[in-house]
N, C-alpha and C. Protein backbone atom coordinates (compact mmCIF):
# COMPACT_ATOMS: atom_id res chain seq x y z
N MET A 1 4.32 -1.70 -21.85
CA MET A 1 3.20 -2.21 -21.41
C MET A 1 2.23 -2.10 -22.60
N THR A 2 2.41 -2.33 -23.69
CA THR A 2 1.52 -2.45 -24.77
C THR A 2 0.80 -3.66 -24.71
N ASP A 3 -0.44 -3.65 -25.15
CA ASP A 3 -1.32 -4.66 -25.10
C ASP A 3 -1.73 -5.26 -23.80
N GLU A 4 -1.54 -4.49 -22.81
CA GLU A 4 -2.01 -4.88 -21.59
C GLU A 4 -3.37 -4.35 -21.23
N ARG A 5 -4.12 -5.33 -20.48
CA ARG A 5 -5.59 -5.00 -20.14
C ARG A 5 -5.46 -4.72 -18.65
N TRP A 6 -6.21 -3.50 -18.34
CA TRP A 6 -6.33 -3.20 -16.82
C TRP A 6 -7.69 -3.00 -16.54
N SER A 7 -7.97 -3.21 -15.26
CA SER A 7 -9.46 -2.73 -14.74
C SER A 7 -9.19 -1.47 -14.50
N LEU A 8 -10.34 -0.73 -14.33
CA LEU A 8 -10.48 0.73 -14.07
C LEU A 8 -9.59 0.91 -12.72
N ALA A 9 -9.73 0.25 -11.72
CA ALA A 9 -9.23 0.44 -10.48
C ALA A 9 -7.57 0.08 -10.59
N GLY A 10 -7.09 -0.85 -11.36
CA GLY A 10 -5.73 -1.32 -11.49
C GLY A 10 -5.05 -0.27 -12.26
N GLY A 11 -5.68 0.14 -13.48
CA GLY A 11 -5.13 1.21 -14.22
C GLY A 11 -4.95 2.59 -13.48
N GLU A 12 -5.80 2.96 -12.56
CA GLU A 12 -5.63 3.99 -11.86
C GLU A 12 -4.53 4.00 -10.85
N ALA A 13 -4.39 2.80 -10.21
CA ALA A 13 -3.35 2.55 -9.14
C ALA A 13 -2.05 2.72 -9.90
N LEU A 14 -1.92 2.04 -11.23
CA LEU A 14 -0.68 2.20 -11.98
C LEU A 14 -0.26 3.62 -12.24
N LEU A 15 -1.20 4.34 -12.55
CA LEU A 15 -0.87 5.90 -13.22
C LEU A 15 -0.49 6.47 -11.90
N LEU A 16 -1.18 6.32 -10.72
CA LEU A 16 -0.72 6.98 -9.34
C LEU A 16 0.52 6.66 -9.01
N LEU A 17 0.83 5.42 -9.17
CA LEU A 17 2.40 4.99 -8.75
C LEU A 17 3.35 5.68 -9.81
N ARG A 18 3.18 5.69 -11.02
CA ARG A 18 3.97 6.37 -12.23
C ARG A 18 4.30 7.64 -11.61
N VAL A 19 3.09 8.54 -10.96
CA VAL A 19 3.22 9.78 -10.86
C VAL A 19 4.21 9.90 -9.55
N VAL A 20 3.94 9.11 -8.57
CA VAL A 20 4.83 8.97 -7.26
C VAL A 20 6.30 8.85 -7.63
N ILE A 21 6.55 7.92 -8.61
CA ILE A 21 7.93 7.79 -9.05
C ILE A 21 8.41 8.89 -9.76
N ALA A 22 7.59 9.45 -10.77
CA ALA A 22 8.19 10.66 -11.49
C ALA A 22 8.28 11.85 -10.63
N ASN A 23 7.69 11.93 -9.39
CA ASN A 23 7.80 13.15 -8.38
C ASN A 23 8.95 12.94 -7.48
N GLY A 24 9.55 11.60 -7.60
CA GLY A 24 10.74 11.22 -6.62
C GLY A 24 10.26 10.96 -5.21
N GLY A 25 9.06 10.59 -5.11
CA GLY A 25 8.44 10.20 -3.86
C GLY A 25 8.27 8.78 -3.46
N PHE A 26 8.98 8.02 -4.21
CA PHE A 26 8.73 6.45 -4.19
C PHE A 26 9.14 5.86 -2.64
N GLU A 27 10.31 6.36 -2.33
CA GLU A 27 10.93 5.74 -0.96
C GLU A 27 9.81 6.06 0.17
N GLU A 28 9.48 7.37 0.14
CA GLU A 28 8.54 7.82 1.17
C GLU A 28 7.11 6.97 1.10
N TYR A 29 6.77 6.85 -0.04
CA TYR A 29 5.41 6.06 -0.43
C TYR A 29 5.56 4.81 0.03
N TRP A 30 6.76 4.06 -0.18
CA TRP A 30 6.95 2.73 0.11
C TRP A 30 7.00 2.51 1.54
N ARG A 31 7.61 3.26 2.38
CA ARG A 31 7.60 3.31 3.73
C ARG A 31 6.17 3.55 4.33
N PHE A 32 5.35 4.45 3.83
CA PHE A 32 3.94 4.54 4.17
C PHE A 32 3.20 3.12 3.75
N HIS A 33 3.33 2.63 2.50
CA HIS A 33 2.75 1.47 2.19
C HIS A 33 2.95 0.27 3.24
N VAL A 34 4.22 0.32 3.40
CA VAL A 34 4.66 -1.06 4.25
C VAL A 34 3.99 -1.04 5.66
N HIS A 35 4.02 0.36 6.17
CA HIS A 35 3.47 0.55 7.56
C HIS A 35 2.08 0.26 7.44
N ARG A 36 1.27 0.78 6.54
CA ARG A 36 -0.12 0.63 6.32
C ARG A 36 -0.60 -0.96 6.22
N GLU A 37 0.21 -1.59 5.47
CA GLU A 37 -0.01 -3.09 5.13
C GLU A 37 0.31 -3.69 6.44
N TYR A 38 1.24 -3.50 7.33
CA TYR A 38 1.60 -4.02 8.58
C TYR A 38 0.22 -3.76 9.36
N GLN A 39 -0.20 -2.68 9.44
CA GLN A 39 -1.30 -2.20 10.14
C GLN A 39 -2.74 -3.04 9.96
N ARG A 40 -2.89 -3.25 8.63
CA ARG A 40 -3.94 -3.92 7.93
C ARG A 40 -3.86 -5.42 8.39
N THR A 41 -2.62 -6.06 8.21
CA THR A 41 -2.52 -7.54 8.45
C THR A 41 -2.14 -7.93 9.88
N HIS A 42 -1.52 -7.06 10.38
CA HIS A 42 -0.92 -7.54 11.74
C HIS A 42 -1.59 -6.89 12.97
N ALA A 43 -1.51 -5.62 12.93
CA ALA A 43 -1.83 -4.90 14.28
C ALA A 43 -3.37 -4.99 14.53
N THR A 44 -3.93 -4.96 13.47
CA THR A 44 -5.51 -5.25 13.74
C THR A 44 -5.96 -6.74 13.96
N ARG A 45 -5.26 -7.44 13.37
CA ARG A 45 -5.48 -8.97 13.62
C ARG A 45 -5.22 -9.55 15.23
N TYR A 46 -4.07 -8.81 15.74
CA TYR A 46 -3.68 -9.41 17.17
C TYR A 46 -4.02 -8.38 18.11
N ARG A 47 -4.81 -7.14 17.89
CA ARG A 47 -5.02 -6.07 18.71
C ARG A 47 -5.93 -6.72 20.03
N GLU A 48 -6.69 -7.57 19.89
CA GLU A 48 -7.51 -8.30 21.06
C GLU A 48 -6.68 -8.94 21.98
N GLN A 49 -5.79 -9.73 21.30
CA GLN A 49 -4.73 -10.42 22.22
C GLN A 49 -3.87 -9.40 22.96
N LEU A 50 -3.45 -8.51 22.37
CA LEU A 50 -2.57 -7.49 23.12
C LEU A 50 -3.33 -6.68 24.10
N ASP A 51 -4.61 -6.60 24.03
CA ASP A 51 -5.26 -5.77 25.07
C ASP A 51 -5.43 -6.77 26.19
N LEU A 52 -5.63 -7.97 25.94
CA LEU A 52 -5.86 -9.01 27.10
C LEU A 52 -4.45 -9.26 27.94
N ALA A 53 -3.28 -9.32 27.27
CA ALA A 53 -2.11 -9.23 27.87
C ALA A 53 -1.77 -8.04 28.71
N ALA A 54 -2.33 -7.00 28.41
CA ALA A 54 -1.93 -5.78 29.02
C ALA A 54 -2.71 -5.56 30.28
């Protein structure tokens, strides 16, 4: 990754990901990430429709 330019937020995210990988926690982190992304993109978007159907 030489000659790469990162924003402060992007660089911090990359460093945190490298720590997770180095500590052997990537699989657990990825499951957490997928679940949170689902919540962010699907569950909150369709929550009102589900409440009306119930």
